[in-house]
Amino acid sequence: MSEQFEFLLLEGFSNMVLASALEPLRDVRLRSTTADLDWEVTTLGGETIQSSSRLRVSPDRPFDPEVTSGTLVIAAGYHVREHITRQMVAKLRKAARKAKRVIALDTAAWLLAEAGVLDGHNATIHWQELDAFQEAFPNVSVSNARFVKSGNILTCGGASAALDLMLELIKELFGPAAAFDAYSMFLFDPARRQTATNVAKPLSDRGSPKLLEALNVIAENVEQPLTTFELARQVAISERSLNRVFSVELGMTPGKYYRLYRLQHARYLVQETRLSVEQIAMRCGFSGASSLGRSFLREFGKPIGALRV
């Protein structure tokens, strides 16, 4: 299923909040073999705007509620009330009716509330605005949760909450493995991976200790892949238990995850290095270039050489 995201940015939005919501989607599109997703950036009038740290962003097009259909993500920051006009409120109300889902980041929930979109819904906003938000909109059930999903509307506060919200949405749309991989891409610190129990501590709230331990072993054994039995023995559980852990937490067998991990690493090497396909095959645990090529074509639907410019 195709998923289209529109990021509507308002003057003064936070770069960190935007990155926390957008970068996980980029990772899913880069690494997933099945996710069909894309995004574009809009501003209210199609003008170039500045973030809160004065970085300038030029949109893909002006915001137009008539063409909104996928997921509308609204990012607002400081001085959110200054953006409120009758025309803007009317546009948001129309876009919310047409969108598949609406996500309000940081202070953007205030704009949805002004448009009446949040009436009867649960919602949250950046913690600095919580009290004022609750007083201003009595028809909204205001929560201090990190993010809130109410029907097809999702709201959150700051950057870390935006990341949590997007990872949960990725899990819903593309599966737990895609969400876990996106999380590990941005929050996994390899220097802290080696601990007394060989568990990736930064990921401890995203997976069980045995899963994290197994992922460490996989990462350390790409050139000479282990069998599932050997992998289970390395993490001191039975092969059956290992299969159950991967199935429950990542939605796939350890063998499939291991193969995808090696293929994703091969894709990175072909795009970012000048190594030959034969050399890449050796580094990723394949018997040769032809073996890697067949697996790559089967998984990604294109020859591995097509990725090299």
C-alpha atoms as a PDB file:
ATOM      1  CA  MET A   1       0.000   0.000   0.000  1.00  0.00           C
ATOM      2  CA  SER A   2       1.334   3.450  -0.943  1.00  0.00           C
ATOM      3  CA  GLU A   3       1.718   6.034   1.824  1.00  0.00           C
ATOM      4  CA  GLN A   4       2.084   9.706   0.938  1.00  0.00           C
ATOM      5  CA  PHE A   5       3.105  12.274   3.576  1.00  0.00           C
ATOM      6  CA  GLU A   6       2.778  16.047   3.330  1.00  0.00           C
ATOM      7  CA  PHE A   7       4.819  18.119   5.777  1.00  0.00           C
ATOM      8  CA  LEU A   8       3.222  21.540   6.200  1.00  0.00           C
ATOM      9  CA  LEU A   9       5.832  23.816   7.809  1.00  0.00           C
ATOM     10  CA  LEU A  10       5.052  27.095   9.518  1.00  0.00           C
ATOM     11  CA  GLU A  11       7.507  29.897  10.187  1.00  0.00           C
ATOM     12  CA  GLY A  12       9.464  29.202  13.372  1.00  0.00           C
ATOM     13  CA  PHE A  13       9.144  25.406  13.243  1.00  0.00           C
ATOM     14  CA  SER A  14      11.814  23.370  15.031  1.00  0.00           C
ATOM     15  CA  ASN A  15      14.431  21.632  12.863  1.00  0.00           C
ATOM     16  CA  MET A  16      14.833  18.989  15.544  1.00  0.00           C
ATOM     17  CA  VAL A  17      11.115  18.217  15.623  1.00  0.00           C
ATOM     18  CA  LEU A  18      10.937  18.016  11.830  1.00  0.00           C
ATOM     19  CA  ALA A  19      13.974  15.738  11.632  1.00  0.00           C
ATOM     20  CA  SER A  20      12.579  13.470  14.341  1.00  0.00           C
ATOM     21  CA  ALA A  21       9.428  12.962  12.274  1.00  0.00           C
ATOM     22  CA  LEU A  22      10.910  12.903   8.764  1.00  0.00           C
ATOM     23  CA  GLU A  23      14.226  11.057   9.104  1.00  0.00           C
ATOM     24  CA  PRO A  24      12.656   7.763  10.305  1.00  0.00           C
ATOM     25  CA  LEU A  25      10.543   7.763   7.119  1.00  0.00           C
ATOM     26  CA  ARG A  26      13.675   8.303   5.041  1.00  0.00           C
ATOM     27  CA  ASP A  27      15.275   5.311   6.726  1.00  0.00           C
ATOM     28  CA  VAL A  28      12.236   3.119   6.045  1.00  0.00           C
ATOM     29  CA  ARG A  29      12.177   4.125   2.380  1.00  0.00           C
ATOM     30  CA  LEU A  30      15.914   3.484   2.079  1.00  0.00           C
ATOM     31  CA  ARG A  31      16.008   0.092   3.764  1.00  0.00           C
ATOM     32  CA  SER A  32      12.610  -1.500   3.313  1.00  0.00           C
ATOM     33  CA  THR A  33      11.995  -3.887   0.449  1.00  0.00           C
ATOM     34  CA  THR A  34       8.216  -3.477   0.595  1.00  0.00           C
ATOM     35  CA  ALA A  35       7.436   0.026   1.920  1.00  0.00           C
ATOM     36  CA  ASP A  36       6.055   2.340  -0.765  1.00  0.00           C
ATOM     37  CA  LEU A  37       6.193   5.829   0.692  1.00  0.00           C
ATOM     38  CA  ASP A  38       7.079   9.368  -0.283  1.00  0.00           C
ATOM     39  CA  TRP A  39       6.684  12.891   1.061  1.00  0.00           C
ATOM     40  CA  GLU A  40       6.680  16.517   0.044  1.00  0.00           C
ATOM     41  CA  VAL A  41       7.097  19.783   1.930  1.00  0.00           C
ATOM     42  CA  THR A  42       4.593  22.636   1.727  1.00  0.00           C
ATOM     43  CA  THR A  43       4.181  26.079   3.255  1.00  0.00           C
ATOM     44  CA  LEU A  44       0.995  28.095   3.515  1.00  0.00           C
ATOM     45  CA  GLY A  45       1.730  30.305   0.521  1.00  0.00           C
ATOM     46  CA  GLY A  46       4.528  28.363  -1.104  1.00  0.00           C
ATOM     47  CA  GLU A  47       7.076  30.811   0.288  1.00  0.00           C
ATOM     48  CA  THR A  48      10.519  30.023   1.669  1.00  0.00           C
ATOM     49  CA  ILE A  49      10.389  30.103   5.461  1.00  0.00           C
ATOM     50  CA  GLN A  50      12.792  30.059   8.403  1.00  0.00           C
ATOM     51  CA  SER A  51      12.990  27.577  11.227  1.00  0.00           C
ATOM     52  CA  SER A  52      13.426  28.649  14.838  1.00  0.00           C
ATOM     53  CA  SER A  53      17.199  28.440  14.311  1.00  0.00           C
ATOM     54  CA  ARG A  54      16.978  30.520  11.101  1.00  0.00           C
ATOM     55  CA  LEU A  55      17.598  27.749   8.618  1.00  0.00           C
ATOM     56  CA  ARG A  56      15.701  28.531   5.447  1.00  0.00           C
ATOM     57  CA  VAL A  57      13.512  25.908   3.759  1.00  0.00           C
ATOM     58  CA  SER A  58      12.048  26.115   0.266  1.00  0.00           C
ATOM     59  CA  PRO A  59       8.892  23.987  -0.132  1.00  0.00           C
ATOM     60  CA  ASP A  60       7.954  21.670  -2.971  1.00  0.00           C
ATOM     61  CA  ARG A  61       4.685  23.532  -3.465  1.00  0.00           C
ATOM     62  CA  PRO A  62       2.122  25.738  -1.683  1.00  0.00           C
ATOM     63  CA  PHE A  63      -0.251  24.097   0.772  1.00  0.00           C
ATOM     64  CA  ASP A  64      -3.512  23.241  -0.987  1.00  0.00           C
ATOM     65  CA  PRO A  65      -6.234  21.391   0.942  1.00  0.00           C
ATOM     66  CA  GLU A  66      -7.832  20.323  -2.336  1.00  0.00           C
ATOM     67  CA  VAL A  67      -4.966  17.934  -3.052  1.00  0.00           C
ATOM     68  CA  THR A  68      -4.462  16.671   0.495  1.00  0.00           C
ATOM     69  CA  SER A  69      -5.183  12.948   0.660  1.00  0.00           C
ATOM     70  CA  GLY A  70      -2.488  11.048   2.554  1.00  0.00           C
ATOM     71  CA  THR A  71      -0.967  11.866   5.922  1.00  0.00           C
ATOM     72  CA  LEU A  72      -0.817  15.592   6.673  1.00  0.00           C
ATOM     73  CA  VAL A  73       1.959  16.431   9.130  1.00  0.00           C
ATOM     74  CA  ILE A  74       1.875  19.986  10.511  1.00  0.00           C
ATOM     75  CA  ALA A  75       4.988  21.407  12.181  1.00  0.00           C
ATOM     76  CA  ALA A  76       4.675  24.657  14.110  1.00  0.00           C
ATOM     77  CA  GLY A  77       6.920  26.154  16.774  1.00  0.00           C
ATOM     78  CA  TYR A  78       7.209  29.527  18.417  1.00  0.00           C
ATOM     79  CA  HIS A  79       4.514  32.202  18.073  1.00  0.00           C
ATOM     80  CA  VAL A  80       1.969  29.712  16.799  1.00  0.00           C
ATOM     81  CA  ARG A  81      -0.942  32.080  17.492  1.00  0.00           C
ATOM     82  CA  GLU A  82       0.472  34.596  14.998  1.00  0.00           C
ATOM     83  CA  HIS A  83      -0.255  32.180  12.160  1.00  0.00           C
ATOM     84  CA  ILE A  84      -3.973  32.029  12.860  1.00  0.00           C
ATOM     85  CA  THR A  85      -6.111  33.667  10.197  1.00  0.00           C
ATOM     86  CA  ARG A  86      -9.613  32.916   9.007  1.00  0.00           C
ATOM     87  CA  GLN A  87      -8.260  31.664   5.675  1.00  0.00           C
ATOM     88  CA  MET A  88      -5.659  29.381   7.286  1.00  0.00           C
ATOM     89  CA  VAL A  89      -8.217  27.901   9.693  1.00  0.00           C
ATOM     90  CA  ALA A  90     -10.617  27.199   6.814  1.00  0.00           C
ATOM     91  CA  LYS A  91      -7.845  25.491   4.834  1.00  0.00           C
ATOM     92  CA  LEU A  92      -6.847  23.297   7.770  1.00  0.00           C
ATOM     93  CA  ARG A  93     -10.448  22.304   8.399  1.00  0.00           C
ATOM     94  CA  LYS A  94     -10.889  21.252   4.773  1.00  0.00           C
ATOM     95  CA  ALA A  95      -7.537  19.433   4.656  1.00  0.00           C
ATOM     96  CA  ALA A  96      -8.341  17.520   7.848  1.00  0.00           C
ATOM     97  CA  ARG A  97     -11.555  16.234   6.263  1.00  0.00           C
ATOM     98  CA  LYS A  98      -9.699  14.993   3.164  1.00  0.00           C
ATOM     99  CA  ALA A  99      -6.581  13.571   4.811  1.00  0.00           C
ATOM    100  CA  LYS A 100      -6.142   9.923   5.689  1.00  0.00           C
ATOM    101  CA  ARG A 101      -4.640  11.026   9.001  1.00  0.00           C
ATOM    102  CA  VAL A 102      -3.423  14.298  10.523  1.00  0.00           C
ATOM    103  CA  ILE A 103      -0.335  14.653  12.720  1.00  0.00           C
ATOM    104  CA  ALA A 104       0.292  17.830  14.717  1.00  0.00           C
ATOM    105  CA  LEU A 105       3.872  18.293  15.937  1.00  0.00           C
ATOM    106  CA  ASP A 106       5.107  20.585  18.693  1.00  0.00           C
ATOM    107  CA  THR A 107       2.583  23.478  18.956  1.00  0.00           C
ATOM    108  CA  ALA A 108       0.600  22.622  15.796  1.00  0.00           C
ATOM    109  CA  ALA A 109      -2.237  21.140  17.863  1.00  0.00           C
ATOM    110  CA  TRP A 110      -3.198  24.740  18.653  1.00  0.00           C
ATOM    111  CA  LEU A 111      -3.942  25.359  14.974  1.00  0.00           C
ATOM    112  CA  LEU A 112      -6.089  22.226  14.698  1.00  0.00           C
ATOM    113  CA  ALA A 113      -7.976  23.235  17.817  1.00  0.00           C
ATOM    114  CA  GLU A 114      -8.642  26.705  16.385  1.00  0.00           C
ATOM    115  CA  ALA A 115     -10.046  25.002  13.307  1.00  0.00           C
ATOM    116  CA  GLY A 116     -12.371  22.898  15.476  1.00  0.00           C
ATOM    117  CA  VAL A 117     -10.712  19.709  14.256  1.00  0.00           C
ATOM    118  CA  LEU A 118      -9.868  18.578  17.797  1.00  0.00           C
ATOM    119  CA  ASP A 119     -13.318  19.094  19.319  1.00  0.00           C
ATOM    120  CA  GLY A 120     -14.281  15.877  21.105  1.00  0.00           C
ATOM    121  CA  HIS A 121     -10.799  14.431  20.654  1.00  0.00           C
ATOM    122  CA  ASN A 122      -7.967  13.656  23.038  1.00  0.00           C
ATOM    123  CA  ALA A 123      -4.833  15.665  22.250  1.00  0.00           C
ATOM    124  CA  THR A 124      -1.567  16.978  23.585  1.00  0.00           C
ATOM    125  CA  ILE A 125       0.834  19.802  22.759  1.00  0.00           C
ATOM    126  CA  HIS A 126       4.308  21.005  23.729  1.00  0.00           C
ATOM    127  CA  TRP A 127       4.526  21.045  27.520  1.00  0.00           C
ATOM    128  CA  GLN A 128       5.044  24.831  27.625  1.00  0.00           C
ATOM    129  CA  GLU A 129       1.592  25.307  26.096  1.00  0.00           C
ATOM    130  CA  LEU A 130      -0.345  22.626  27.979  1.00  0.00           C
ATOM    131  CA  ASP A 131      -2.043  24.860  30.560  1.00  0.00           C
ATOM    132  CA  ALA A 132      -2.934  27.614  28.091  1.00  0.00           C
ATOM    133  CA  PHE A 133      -4.124  25.002  25.585  1.00  0.00           C
ATOM    134  CA  GLN A 134      -6.447  23.417  28.141  1.00  0.00           C
ATOM    135  CA  GLU A 135      -7.907  26.783  29.117  1.00  0.00           C
ATOM    136  CA  ALA A 136      -8.384  27.943  25.534  1.00  0.00           C
ATOM    137  CA  PHE A 137     -10.085  24.794  24.206  1.00  0.00           C
ATOM    138  CA  PRO A 138     -12.514  23.254  26.717  1.00  0.00           C
ATOM    139  CA  ASN A 139     -13.945  20.944  24.036  1.00  0.00           C
ATOM    140  CA  VAL A 140     -10.590  19.169  23.720  1.00  0.00           C
ATOM    141  CA  SER A 141      -9.593  16.489  26.236  1.00  0.00           C
ATOM    142  CA  VAL A 142      -6.022  17.573  26.931  1.00  0.00           C
ATOM    143  CA  SER A 143      -3.415  14.993  27.943  1.00  0.00           C
ATOM    144  CA  ASN A 144       0.171  15.340  29.142  1.00  0.00           C
ATOM    145  CA  ALA A 145       1.146  12.083  27.386  1.00  0.00           C
ATOM    146  CA  ARG A 146       4.155  12.141  25.062  1.00  0.00           C
ATOM    147  CA  PHE A 147       1.894  11.624  22.078  1.00  0.00           C
ATOM    148  CA  VAL A 148      -1.816  10.952  21.686  1.00  0.00           C
ATOM    149  CA  LYS A 149      -3.749   9.120  18.994  1.00  0.00           C
ATOM    150  CA  SER A 150      -7.442   9.933  18.777  1.00  0.00           C
ATOM    151  CA  GLY A 151      -9.161   8.504  15.722  1.00  0.00           C
ATOM    152  CA  ASN A 152      -7.126   9.570  12.710  1.00  0.00           C
ATOM    153  CA  ILE A 153      -5.531  12.513  14.544  1.00  0.00           C
ATOM    154  CA  LEU A 154      -2.151  12.253  16.278  1.00  0.00           C
ATOM    155  CA  THR A 155      -0.599  14.999  18.385  1.00  0.00           C
ATOM    156  CA  CYS A 156       2.678  15.319  20.253  1.00  0.00           C
ATOM    157  CA  GLY A 157       4.990  17.783  21.948  1.00  0.00           C
ATOM    158  CA  GLY A 158       8.733  18.082  21.346  1.00  0.00           C
ATOM    159  CA  ALA A 159      11.329  16.270  19.262  1.00  0.00           C
ATOM    160  CA  SER A 160      11.697  13.052  21.249  1.00  0.00           C
ATOM    161  CA  ALA A 161       7.915  12.689  21.380  1.00  0.00           C
ATOM    162  CA  ALA A 162       7.749  13.233  17.615  1.00  0.00           C
ATOM    163  CA  LEU A 163      10.256  10.413  17.141  1.00  0.00           C
ATOM    164  CA  ASP A 164       8.226   8.095  19.370  1.00  0.00           C
ATOM    165  CA  LEU A 165       5.035   8.972  17.514  1.00  0.00           C
ATOM    166  CA  MET A 166       6.582   8.346  14.108  1.00  0.00           C
ATOM    167  CA  LEU A 167       8.150   5.042  15.174  1.00  0.00           C
ATOM    168  CA  GLU A 168       4.759   3.863  16.408  1.00  0.00           C
ATOM    169  CA  LEU A 169       3.174   4.868  13.091  1.00  0.00           C
ATOM    170  CA  ILE A 170       5.945   3.105  11.141  1.00  0.00           C
ATOM    171  CA  LYS A 171       5.324  -0.015  13.198  1.00  0.00           C
ATOM    172  CA  GLU A 172       1.614   0.167  12.352  1.00  0.00           C
ATOM    173  CA  LEU A 173       2.144   0.815   8.639  1.00  0.00           C
ATOM    174  CA  PHE A 174       5.308  -1.125   7.810  1.00  0.00           C
ATOM    175  CA  GLY A 175       5.842  -3.589  10.641  1.00  0.00           C
ATOM    176  CA  PRO A 176       7.902  -3.821  13.837  1.00  0.00           C
ATOM    177  CA  ALA A 177      11.189  -4.630  12.078  1.00  0.00           C
ATOM    178  CA  ALA A 178      11.046  -1.390  10.074  1.00  0.00           C
ATOM    179  CA  ALA A 179      10.351   0.609  13.243  1.00  0.00           C
ATOM    180  CA  PHE A 180      13.144  -1.123  15.140  1.00  0.00           C
ATOM    181  CA  ASP A 181      15.629  -0.544  12.330  1.00  0.00           C
ATOM    182  CA  ALA A 182      14.707   3.146  12.107  1.00  0.00           C
ATOM    183  CA  TYR A 183      15.102   3.516  15.857  1.00  0.00           C
ATOM    184  CA  SER A 184      18.482   1.800  15.877  1.00  0.00           C
ATOM    185  CA  MET A 185      19.719   3.920  12.963  1.00  0.00           C
ATOM    186  CA  PHE A 186      19.418   7.137  14.964  1.00  0.00           C
ATOM    187  CA  LEU A 187      19.746   6.133  18.617  1.00  0.00           C
ATOM    188  CA  PHE A 188      22.155   3.198  18.649  1.00  0.00           C
ATOM    189  CA  ASP A 189      25.660   4.093  19.832  1.00  0.00           C
ATOM    190  CA  PRO A 190      28.113   1.372  18.719  1.00  0.00           C
ATOM    191  CA  ALA A 191      30.703   2.502  21.271  1.00  0.00           C
ATOM    192  CA  ARG A 192      28.291   1.497  24.028  1.00  0.00           C
ATOM    193  CA  ARG A 193      27.319  -1.816  22.469  1.00  0.00           C
ATOM    194  CA  GLN A 194      29.908  -3.879  24.289  1.00  0.00           C
ATOM    195  CA  THR A 195      28.767  -4.287  27.875  1.00  0.00           C
ATOM    196  CA  ALA A 196      29.054  -7.037  30.440  1.00  0.00           C
ATOM    197  CA  THR A 197      25.980  -8.716  28.988  1.00  0.00           C
ATOM    198  CA  ASN A 198      26.643  -7.637  25.381  1.00  0.00           C
ATOM    199  CA  VAL A 199      23.287  -5.815  25.287  1.00  0.00           C
ATOM    200  CA  ALA A 200      22.748  -2.593  23.353  1.00  0.00           C
ATOM    201  CA  LYS A 201      21.680  -0.387  26.228  1.00  0.00           C
ATOM    202  CA  PRO A 202      20.383   2.528  24.129  1.00  0.00           C
ATOM    203  CA  LEU A 203      17.872   0.108  22.573  1.00  0.00           C
ATOM    204  CA  SER A 204      16.808  -1.559  25.805  1.00  0.00           C
ATOM    205  CA  ASP A 205      13.368   0.042  25.730  1.00  0.00           C
ATOM    206  CA  ARG A 206      12.748  -1.166  22.173  1.00  0.00           C
ATOM    207  CA  GLY A 207      13.487  -4.852  22.478  1.00  0.00           C
ATOM    208  CA  SER A 208      14.046  -7.668  24.914  1.00  0.00           C
ATOM    209  CA  PRO A 209      17.614  -8.332  26.123  1.00  0.00           C
ATOM    210  CA  LYS A 210      17.874 -11.558  24.120  1.00  0.00           C
ATOM    211  CA  LEU A 211      16.739  -9.862  20.917  1.00  0.00           C
ATOM    212  CA  LEU A 212      19.264  -7.063  21.374  1.00  0.00           C
ATOM    213  CA  GLU A 213      21.996  -9.526  22.168  1.00  0.00           C
ATOM    214  CA  ALA A 214      21.171 -11.502  19.021  1.00  0.00           C
ATOM    215  CA  LEU A 215      21.247  -8.342  16.910  1.00  0.00           C
ATOM    216  CA  ASN A 216      24.707  -7.541  18.251  1.00  0.00           C
ATOM    217  CA  VAL A 217      25.904 -11.005  17.255  1.00  0.00           C
ATOM    218  CA  ILE A 218      24.395 -10.600  13.773  1.00  0.00           C
ATOM    219  CA  ALA A 219      26.159  -7.243  13.333  1.00  0.00           C
ATOM    220  CA  GLU A 220      29.464  -8.813  14.330  1.00  0.00           C
ATOM    221  CA  ASN A 221      29.105 -11.803  11.989  1.00  0.00           C
ATOM    222  CA  VAL A 222      28.232 -10.421   8.565  1.00  0.00           C
ATOM    223  CA  GLU A 223      31.221 -11.734   6.617  1.00  0.00           C
ATOM    224  CA  GLN A 224      30.766 -15.268   7.942  1.00  0.00           C
ATOM    225  CA  PRO A 225      27.064 -15.650   8.779  1.00  0.00           C
ATOM    226  CA  LEU A 226      26.027 -18.010  11.549  1.00  0.00           C
ATOM    227  CA  THR A 227      23.268 -20.582  11.310  1.00  0.00           C
ATOM    228  CA  THR A 228      20.181 -19.980  13.413  1.00  0.00           C
ATOM    229  CA  PHE A 229      21.369 -22.745  15.737  1.00  0.00           C
ATOM    230  CA  GLU A 230      24.770 -21.070  16.150  1.00  0.00           C
ATOM    231  CA  LEU A 231      23.136 -17.688  16.712  1.00  0.00           C
ATOM    232  CA  ALA A 232      20.886 -19.151  19.413  1.00  0.00           C
ATOM    233  CA  ARG A 233      23.857 -20.792  21.093  1.00  0.00           C
ATOM    234  CA  GLN A 234      25.750 -17.482  21.115  1.00  0.00           C
ATOM    235  CA  VAL A 235      22.915 -15.809  23.053  1.00  0.00           C
ATOM    236  CA  ALA A 236      22.341 -18.822  25.303  1.00  0.00           C
ATOM    237  CA  ILE A 237      18.761 -19.690  24.357  1.00  0.00           C
ATOM    238  CA  SER A 238      17.202 -22.500  22.358  1.00  0.00           C
ATOM    239  CA  GLU A 239      16.697 -22.177  18.615  1.00  0.00           C
ATOM    240  CA  ARG A 240      12.947 -22.414  19.160  1.00  0.00           C
ATOM    241  CA  SER A 241      13.024 -19.585  21.703  1.00  0.00           C
ATOM    242  CA  LEU A 242      15.121 -17.436  19.361  1.00  0.00           C
ATOM    243  CA  ASN A 243      12.608 -17.940  16.548  1.00  0.00           C
ATOM    244  CA  ARG A 244       9.790 -16.974  18.898  1.00  0.00           C
ATOM    245  CA  VAL A 245      11.579 -13.788  20.056  1.00  0.00           C
ATOM    246  CA  PHE A 246      12.150 -12.602  16.477  1.00  0.00           C
ATOM    247  CA  SER A 247       8.639 -13.526  15.382  1.00  0.00           C
ATOM    248  CA  VAL A 248       6.963 -11.698  18.269  1.00  0.00           C
ATOM    249  CA  GLU A 249       9.181  -8.595  18.339  1.00  0.00           C
ATOM    250  CA  LEU A 250      10.209  -8.119  14.705  1.00  0.00           C
ATOM    251  CA  GLY A 251       7.575 -10.086  12.809  1.00  0.00           C
ATOM    252  CA  MET A 252      10.044 -12.327  10.987  1.00  0.00           C
ATOM    253  CA  THR A 253      12.393 -15.247  11.548  1.00  0.00           C
ATOM    254  CA  PRO A 254      15.994 -14.637  12.616  1.00  0.00           C
ATOM    255  CA  GLY A 255      17.152 -16.118   9.318  1.00  0.00           C
ATOM    256  CA  LYS A 256      15.139 -13.620   7.298  1.00  0.00           C
ATOM    257  CA  TYR A 257      16.284 -10.686   9.423  1.00  0.00           C
ATOM    258  CA  TYR A 258      19.912 -11.838   9.108  1.00  0.00           C
ATOM    259  CA  ARG A 259      19.627 -12.054   5.320  1.00  0.00           C
ATOM    260  CA  LEU A 260      17.986  -8.620   5.068  1.00  0.00           C
ATOM    261  CA  TYR A 261      20.682  -7.146   7.302  1.00  0.00           C
ATOM    262  CA  ARG A 262      23.400  -8.506   4.983  1.00  0.00           C
ATOM    263  CA  LEU A 263      21.592  -7.310   1.851  1.00  0.00           C
ATOM    264  CA  GLN A 264      21.059  -3.835   3.315  1.00  0.00           C
ATOM    265  CA  HIS A 265      24.751  -3.680   4.150  1.00  0.00           C
ATOM    266  CA  ALA A 266      25.549  -4.720   0.584  1.00  0.00           C
ATOM    267  CA  ARG A 267      23.292  -1.968  -0.729  1.00  0.00           C
ATOM    268  CA  TYR A 268      25.114   0.578   1.436  1.00  0.00           C
ATOM    269  CA  LEU A 269      28.522  -0.605   0.192  1.00  0.00           C
ATOM    270  CA  VAL A 270      27.545  -0.495  -3.476  1.00  0.00           C
ATOM    271  CA  GLN A 271      26.194   3.044  -3.090  1.00  0.00           C
ATOM    272  CA  GLU A 272      28.896   4.476  -0.848  1.00  0.00           C
ATOM    273  CA  THR A 273      32.119   2.706  -1.898  1.00  0.00           C
ATOM    274  CA  ARG A 274      33.952   1.705  -5.074  1.00  0.00           C
ATOM    275  CA  LEU A 275      34.364  -1.910  -4.012  1.00  0.00           C
ATOM    276  CA  SER A 276      33.590  -4.438  -6.722  1.00  0.00           C
ATOM    277  CA  VAL A 277      30.410  -6.490  -6.418  1.00  0.00           C
ATOM    278  CA  GLU A 278      32.602  -9.522  -5.848  1.00  0.00           C
ATOM    279  CA  GLN A 279      34.345  -7.794  -2.920  1.00  0.00           C
ATOM    280  CA  ILE A 280      30.998  -6.660  -1.507  1.00  0.00           C
ATOM    281  CA  ALA A 281      29.649 -10.200  -1.749  1.00  0.00           C
ATOM    282  CA  MET A 282      32.572 -11.486   0.300  1.00  0.00           C
ATOM    283  CA  ARG A 283      32.112  -8.775   2.930  1.00  0.00           C
ATOM    284  CA  CYS A 284      28.418  -9.561   3.260  1.00  0.00           C
ATOM    285  CA  GLY A 285      28.650 -13.331   3.562  1.00  0.00           C
ATOM    286  CA  PHE A 286      27.708 -14.402   0.039  1.00  0.00           C
ATOM    287  CA  SER A 287      29.615 -17.008  -1.937  1.00  0.00           C
ATOM    288  CA  GLY A 288      30.182 -14.657  -4.852  1.00  0.00           C
ATOM    289  CA  ALA A 289      28.850 -11.822  -6.973  1.00  0.00           C
ATOM    290  CA  SER A 290      26.277 -13.997  -8.740  1.00  0.00           C
ATOM    291  CA  SER A 291      24.850 -15.278  -5.440  1.00  0.00           C
ATOM    292  CA  LEU A 292      24.591 -11.736  -4.069  1.00  0.00           C
ATOM    293  CA  GLY A 293      23.101 -10.518  -7.339  1.00  0.00           C
ATOM    294  CA  ARG A 294      20.357 -13.149  -7.339  1.00  0.00           C
ATOM    295  CA  SER A 295      19.430 -12.473  -3.695  1.00  0.00           C
ATOM    296  CA  PHE A 296      19.496  -8.723  -4.232  1.00  0.00           C
ATOM    297  CA  LEU A 297      17.283  -8.882  -7.318  1.00  0.00           C
ATOM    298  CA  ARG A 298      14.817 -11.175  -5.583  1.00  0.00           C
ATOM    299  CA  GLU A 299      14.573  -8.896  -2.535  1.00  0.00           C
ATOM    300  CA  PHE A 300      14.767  -5.408  -4.041  1.00  0.00           C
ATOM    301  CA  GLY A 301      13.439  -6.031  -7.534  1.00  0.00           C
ATOM    302  CA  LYS A 302      16.434  -4.478  -9.293  1.00  0.00           C
ATOM    303  CA  PRO A 303      20.009  -5.529 -10.143  1.00  0.00           C
ATOM    304  CA  ILE A 304      22.582  -4.518  -7.569  1.00  0.00           C
ATOM    305  CA  GLY A 305      24.639  -2.822 -10.273  1.00  0.00           C
ATOM    306  CA  ALA A 306      21.738  -0.456 -11.021  1.00  0.00           C
ATOM    307  CA  LEU A 307      22.428   1.350  -7.730  1.00  0.00           C
ATOM    308  CA  ARG A 308      25.932   2.354  -8.728  1.00  0.00           C
ATOM    309  CA  VAL A 309      26.192   5.720 -10.474  1.00  0.00           C
END
